[in-house]
Amino acid sequence: MERTYVMLKPDAILKKLAGRIIDRIESKGYRIVDLKIMNLDKNILREHYAHVVEQPFYPSMESYMMSGPVWAMIVEGDNAVQGIRMLMGATKFEDALPGTIRGD
């Protein structure tokens, strides 16, 4: 049994997709064991994205991430880490395959 972190970002909440995303996660047999709705601030974002904070795109990403609430979830299940990665699709939207959450 594995656990992994999933964050529904501001656009998913704004577009009212959270329920559909959660349904897909649960229909694959995973269980959401914790969920917290948060408004992120600069300190949290700098810690979470420390690996890219010096990149030229970071200021716009930080602004986007503070534009609305996020849903932070812990998801549990067999092979959850790899399974959730496959379900969510590529990190870069333009690389996402049809059928993944990012590719729809």
N, C-alpha and C. Protein backbone atom coordinates (compact mmCIF):
# COMPACT_ATOMS: atom_id res chain seq x y z
N MET A 1 0.85 -1.17 0.00
CA MET A 1 0.00 0.00 0.00
C MET A 1 0.90 1.24 0.00
N GLU A 2 0.70 2.12 -0.96
CA GLU A 2 1.48 3.35 -1.07
C GLU A 2 0.57 4.56 -0.88
N ARG A 3 1.20 5.65 -0.51
CA ARG A 3 0.53 6.95 -0.44
C ARG A 3 1.29 7.95 -1.29
N THR A 4 0.54 8.87 -1.91
CA THR A 4 1.16 9.92 -2.71
C THR A 4 0.37 11.22 -2.55
N TYR A 5 1.03 12.30 -2.89
CA TYR A 5 0.44 13.63 -2.77
C TYR A 5 -0.12 14.06 -4.12
N VAL A 6 -1.33 14.61 -4.09
CA VAL A 6 -1.97 15.16 -5.29
C VAL A 6 -2.47 16.55 -4.96
N MET A 7 -2.18 17.50 -5.84
CA MET A 7 -2.69 18.87 -5.64
C MET A 7 -3.55 19.26 -6.84
N LEU A 8 -4.80 19.60 -6.55
CA LEU A 8 -5.66 20.18 -7.57
C LEU A 8 -5.42 21.68 -7.55
N LYS A 9 -4.95 22.20 -8.66
CA LYS A 9 -4.49 23.59 -8.73
C LYS A 9 -5.66 24.54 -9.01
N PRO A 10 -5.40 25.85 -8.91
CA PRO A 10 -6.50 26.81 -9.01
C PRO A 10 -7.38 26.68 -10.25
N ASP A 11 -6.82 26.33 -11.41
CA ASP A 11 -7.66 26.23 -12.60
C ASP A 11 -8.65 25.08 -12.51
N ALA A 12 -8.27 23.97 -11.88
CA ALA A 12 -9.19 22.85 -11.71
C ALA A 12 -10.36 23.24 -10.82
N ILE A 13 -10.08 24.03 -9.81
CA ILE A 13 -11.14 24.48 -8.90
C ILE A 13 -12.03 25.50 -9.61
N LEU A 14 -11.43 26.46 -10.30
CA LEU A 14 -12.17 27.50 -11.02
C LEU A 14 -13.09 26.90 -12.08
N LYS A 15 -12.60 25.87 -12.77
CA LYS A 15 -13.39 25.24 -13.83
C LYS A 15 -14.36 24.19 -13.30
N LYS A 16 -14.42 24.04 -11.98
CA LYS A 16 -15.33 23.09 -11.32
C LYS A 16 -15.09 21.66 -11.78
N LEU A 17 -13.80 21.28 -11.83
CA LEU A 17 -13.41 19.93 -12.25
C LEU A 17 -13.01 19.03 -11.09
N ALA A 18 -12.98 19.56 -9.88
CA ALA A 18 -12.48 18.78 -8.74
C ALA A 18 -13.25 17.48 -8.55
N GLY A 19 -14.56 17.53 -8.64
CA GLY A 19 -15.36 16.33 -8.46
C GLY A 19 -15.07 15.27 -9.50
N ARG A 20 -14.91 15.69 -10.75
CA ARG A 20 -14.60 14.74 -11.83
C ARG A 20 -13.22 14.12 -11.64
N ILE A 21 -12.26 14.93 -11.21
CA ILE A 21 -10.91 14.42 -10.99
C ILE A 21 -10.91 13.42 -9.84
N ILE A 22 -11.58 13.78 -8.75
CA ILE A 22 -11.66 12.87 -7.60
C ILE A 22 -12.37 11.57 -8.01
N ASP A 23 -13.42 11.68 -8.80
CA ASP A 23 -14.12 10.49 -9.27
C ASP A 23 -13.19 9.57 -10.06
N ARG A 24 -12.37 10.14 -10.91
CA ARG A 24 -11.41 9.32 -11.68
C ARG A 24 -10.40 8.63 -10.76
N ILE A 25 -9.92 9.37 -9.78
CA ILE A 25 -8.97 8.79 -8.83
C ILE A 25 -9.61 7.61 -8.10
N GLU A 26 -10.82 7.83 -7.59
CA GLU A 26 -11.50 6.78 -6.83
C GLU A 26 -11.94 5.61 -7.71
N SER A 27 -12.32 5.89 -8.95
CA SER A 27 -12.76 4.80 -9.83
C SER A 27 -11.60 3.87 -10.21
N LYS A 28 -10.37 4.34 -10.06
CA LYS A 28 -9.20 3.50 -10.30
C LYS A 28 -8.83 2.68 -9.07
N GLY A 29 -9.62 2.81 -8.00
CA GLY A 29 -9.40 2.01 -6.81
C GLY A 29 -8.59 2.70 -5.73
N TYR A 30 -8.22 3.95 -5.94
CA TYR A 30 -7.45 4.68 -4.93
C TYR A 30 -8.41 5.32 -3.93
N ARG A 31 -7.88 5.59 -2.76
CA ARG A 31 -8.67 6.16 -1.67
C ARG A 31 -8.05 7.48 -1.24
N ILE A 32 -8.86 8.51 -1.09
CA ILE A 32 -8.38 9.78 -0.59
C ILE A 32 -8.46 9.72 0.93
N VAL A 33 -7.29 9.75 1.58
CA VAL A 33 -7.25 9.57 3.03
C VAL A 33 -7.14 10.90 3.76
N ASP A 34 -6.81 11.96 3.05
CA ASP A 34 -6.77 13.30 3.65
C ASP A 34 -6.94 14.32 2.55
N LEU A 35 -7.65 15.40 2.85
CA LEU A 35 -7.88 16.47 1.89
C LEU A 35 -7.93 17.78 2.66
N LYS A 36 -7.20 18.76 2.16
CA LYS A 36 -7.19 20.07 2.79
C LYS A 36 -7.30 21.13 1.70
N ILE A 37 -8.23 22.05 1.86
CA ILE A 37 -8.36 23.17 0.94
C ILE A 37 -7.52 24.31 1.49
N MET A 38 -6.62 24.83 0.64
CA MET A 38 -5.65 25.82 1.11
C MET A 38 -5.54 26.98 0.12
N ASN A 39 -5.22 28.13 0.65
CA ASN A 39 -4.75 29.26 -0.14
C ASN A 39 -3.27 29.38 0.15
N LEU A 40 -2.45 29.22 -0.88
CA LEU A 40 -1.01 29.20 -0.70
C LEU A 40 -0.43 30.61 -0.67
N ASP A 41 0.62 30.78 0.12
CA ASP A 41 1.32 32.06 0.16
C ASP A 41 2.74 31.87 -0.39
N LYS A 42 3.45 32.98 -0.51
CA LYS A 42 4.80 32.94 -1.10
C LYS A 42 5.74 32.01 -0.36
N ASN A 43 5.67 31.99 0.96
CA ASN A 43 6.57 31.13 1.74
C ASN A 43 6.34 29.65 1.46
N ILE A 44 5.09 29.24 1.44
CA ILE A 44 4.77 27.83 1.16
C ILE A 44 5.21 27.48 -0.26
N LEU A 45 4.93 28.36 -1.21
CA LEU A 45 5.28 28.08 -2.60
C LEU A 45 6.78 28.00 -2.81
N ARG A 46 7.53 28.89 -2.17
CA ARG A 46 8.99 28.86 -2.31
C ARG A 46 9.56 27.56 -1.74
N GLU A 47 8.95 27.05 -0.70
CA GLU A 47 9.41 25.77 -0.14
C GLU A 47 9.03 24.61 -1.06
N HIS A 48 7.77 24.60 -1.51
CA HIS A 48 7.26 23.51 -2.34
C HIS A 48 7.98 23.44 -3.69
N TYR A 49 8.27 24.60 -4.26
CA TYR A 49 8.89 24.67 -5.58
C TYR A 49 10.35 25.15 -5.49
N ALA A 50 11.04 24.80 -4.42
CA ALA A 50 12.43 25.24 -4.22
C ALA A 50 13.33 24.85 -5.38
N HIS A 51 13.04 23.75 -6.01
CA HIS A 51 13.87 23.26 -7.12
C HIS A 51 13.77 24.11 -8.38
N VAL A 52 12.77 25.01 -8.47
CA VAL A 52 12.62 25.86 -9.66
C VAL A 52 12.49 27.35 -9.33
N VAL A 53 12.68 27.70 -8.07
CA VAL A 53 12.44 29.09 -7.66
C VAL A 53 13.32 30.10 -8.40
N GLU A 54 14.47 29.68 -8.89
CA GLU A 54 15.38 30.58 -9.61
C GLU A 54 15.13 30.60 -11.12
N GLN A 55 14.18 29.82 -11.58
CA GLN A 55 13.89 29.77 -13.02
C GLN A 55 13.11 31.01 -13.46
N PRO A 56 13.26 31.43 -14.70
CA PRO A 56 12.58 32.64 -15.18
C PRO A 56 11.05 32.54 -15.15
N PHE A 57 10.50 31.34 -15.23
CA PHE A 57 9.05 31.17 -15.21
C PHE A 57 8.45 31.20 -13.81
N TYR A 58 9.29 31.14 -12.78
CA TYR A 58 8.77 31.00 -11.42
C TYR A 58 7.82 32.14 -11.00
N PRO A 59 8.13 33.42 -11.25
CA PRO A 59 7.20 34.47 -10.80
C PRO A 59 5.78 34.31 -11.34
N SER A 60 5.64 33.94 -12.61
CA SER A 60 4.29 33.77 -13.15
C SER A 60 3.62 32.53 -12.56
N MET A 61 4.40 31.47 -12.31
CA MET A 61 3.84 30.27 -11.69
C MET A 61 3.38 30.59 -10.26
N GLU A 62 4.19 31.34 -9.53
CA GLU A 62 3.83 31.72 -8.17
C GLU A 62 2.52 32.53 -8.17
N SER A 63 2.41 33.47 -9.08
CA SER A 63 1.19 34.27 -9.18
C SER A 63 -0.02 33.40 -9.48
N TYR A 64 0.13 32.49 -10.42
CA TYR A 64 -0.94 31.56 -10.76
C TYR A 64 -1.34 30.72 -9.55
N MET A 65 -0.38 30.18 -8.83
CA MET A 65 -0.67 29.31 -7.69
C MET A 65 -1.33 30.06 -6.54
N MET A 66 -1.17 31.38 -6.50
CA MET A 66 -1.82 32.18 -5.45
C MET A 66 -3.14 32.77 -5.95
N SER A 67 -3.54 32.45 -7.19
CA SER A 67 -4.74 33.05 -7.77
C SER A 67 -6.04 32.47 -7.23
N GLY A 68 -5.96 31.38 -6.51
CA GLY A 68 -7.16 30.76 -5.96
C GLY A 68 -6.77 29.60 -5.07
N PRO A 69 -7.76 28.95 -4.49
CA PRO A 69 -7.45 27.83 -3.59
C PRO A 69 -6.94 26.61 -4.35
N VAL A 70 -6.23 25.76 -3.62
CA VAL A 70 -5.82 24.45 -4.12
C VAL A 70 -6.41 23.40 -3.18
N TRP A 71 -6.55 22.20 -3.68
CA TRP A 71 -6.97 21.08 -2.85
C TRP A 71 -5.78 20.15 -2.74
N ALA A 72 -5.26 20.01 -1.54
CA ALA A 72 -4.11 19.15 -1.27
C ALA A 72 -4.64 17.83 -0.74
N MET A 73 -4.24 16.73 -1.40
CA MET A 73 -4.78 15.43 -1.03
C MET A 73 -3.68 14.39 -0.85
N ILE A 74 -3.91 13.47 0.06
CA ILE A 74 -3.10 12.28 0.19
C ILE A 74 -3.96 11.14 -0.35
N VAL A 75 -3.42 10.44 -1.35
CA VAL A 75 -4.13 9.36 -2.02
C VAL A 75 -3.40 8.06 -1.71
N GLU A 76 -4.17 7.03 -1.40
CA GLU A 76 -3.61 5.74 -0.98
C GLU A 76 -4.11 4.63 -1.89
N GLY A 77 -3.24 3.65 -2.12
CA GLY A 77 -3.65 2.47 -2.86
C GLY A 77 -2.46 1.68 -3.33
N ASP A 78 -2.74 0.52 -3.91
CA ASP A 78 -1.66 -0.31 -4.47
C ASP A 78 -1.02 0.43 -5.63
N ASN A 79 0.30 0.53 -5.61
CA ASN A 79 1.06 1.19 -6.67
C ASN A 79 0.57 2.62 -6.92
N ALA A 80 0.22 3.33 -5.85
CA ALA A 80 -0.39 4.66 -5.97
C ALA A 80 0.52 5.68 -6.65
N VAL A 81 1.81 5.65 -6.37
CA VAL A 81 2.71 6.66 -6.93
C VAL A 81 2.71 6.58 -8.45
N GLN A 82 3.01 5.42 -8.99
CA GLN A 82 3.05 5.26 -10.45
C GLN A 82 1.66 5.38 -11.06
N GLY A 83 0.66 4.81 -10.40
CA GLY A 83 -0.70 4.85 -10.92
C GLY A 83 -1.24 6.26 -11.04
N ILE A 84 -1.01 7.08 -10.04
CA ILE A 84 -1.48 8.47 -10.09
C ILE A 84 -0.71 9.25 -11.16
N ARG A 85 0.59 9.00 -11.28
CA ARG A 85 1.37 9.67 -12.34
C ARG A 85 0.80 9.34 -13.72
N MET A 86 0.45 8.09 -13.93
CA MET A 86 -0.12 7.69 -15.22
C MET A 86 -1.49 8.32 -15.43
N LEU A 87 -2.31 8.37 -14.39
CA LEU A 87 -3.65 8.93 -14.49
C LEU A 87 -3.61 10.43 -14.78
N MET A 88 -2.69 11.14 -14.14
CA MET A 88 -2.62 12.60 -14.30
C MET A 88 -2.03 13.00 -15.64
N GLY A 89 -1.12 12.21 -16.17
CA GLY A 89 -0.52 12.55 -17.45
C GLY A 89 0.77 13.33 -17.28
N ALA A 90 1.30 13.76 -18.39
CA ALA A 90 2.58 14.45 -18.42
C ALA A 90 2.53 15.75 -17.63
N THR A 91 3.67 16.12 -17.06
CA THR A 91 3.77 17.38 -16.31
C THR A 91 3.51 18.56 -17.22
N LYS A 92 4.05 18.53 -18.42
CA LYS A 92 3.81 19.59 -19.40
C LYS A 92 2.51 19.29 -20.13
N PHE A 93 1.57 20.21 -20.04
CA PHE A 93 0.24 20.01 -20.63
C PHE A 93 0.34 19.60 -22.10
N GLU A 94 1.23 20.24 -22.84
CA GLU A 94 1.33 19.96 -24.27
C GLU A 94 1.84 18.54 -24.56
N ASP A 95 2.43 17.89 -23.58
CA ASP A 95 2.91 16.51 -23.75
C ASP A 95 1.91 15.46 -23.27
N ALA A 96 0.79 15.90 -22.69
CA ALA A 96 -0.17 14.96 -22.11
C ALA A 96 -0.91 14.19 -23.20
N LEU A 97 -1.13 12.92 -22.94
CA LEU A 97 -1.83 12.05 -23.87
C LEU A 97 -3.34 12.11 -23.66
N PRO A 98 -4.12 11.90 -24.72
CA PRO A 98 -5.57 11.80 -24.54
C PRO A 98 -5.91 10.71 -23.53
N GLY A 99 -6.91 10.95 -22.72
CA GLY A 99 -7.32 9.98 -21.72
C GLY A 99 -6.74 10.23 -20.35
N THR A 100 -5.68 11.05 -20.27
CA THR A 100 -5.17 11.43 -18.96
C THR A 100 -5.95 12.65 -18.49
N ILE A 101 -5.90 12.95 -17.24
CA ILE A 101 -6.63 14.10 -16.72
C ILE A 101 -6.14 15.38 -17.39
N ARG A 102 -4.83 15.51 -17.60
CA ARG A 102 -4.28 16.70 -18.25
C ARG A 102 -4.58 16.73 -19.74
N GLY A 103 -4.80 15.58 -20.35
CA GLY A 103 -4.96 15.52 -21.80
C GLY A 103 -6.39 15.68 -22.30
N ASP A 104 -7.35 15.74 -21.39
CA ASP A 104 -8.75 15.87 -21.81
C ASP A 104 -9.10 17.30 -22.15
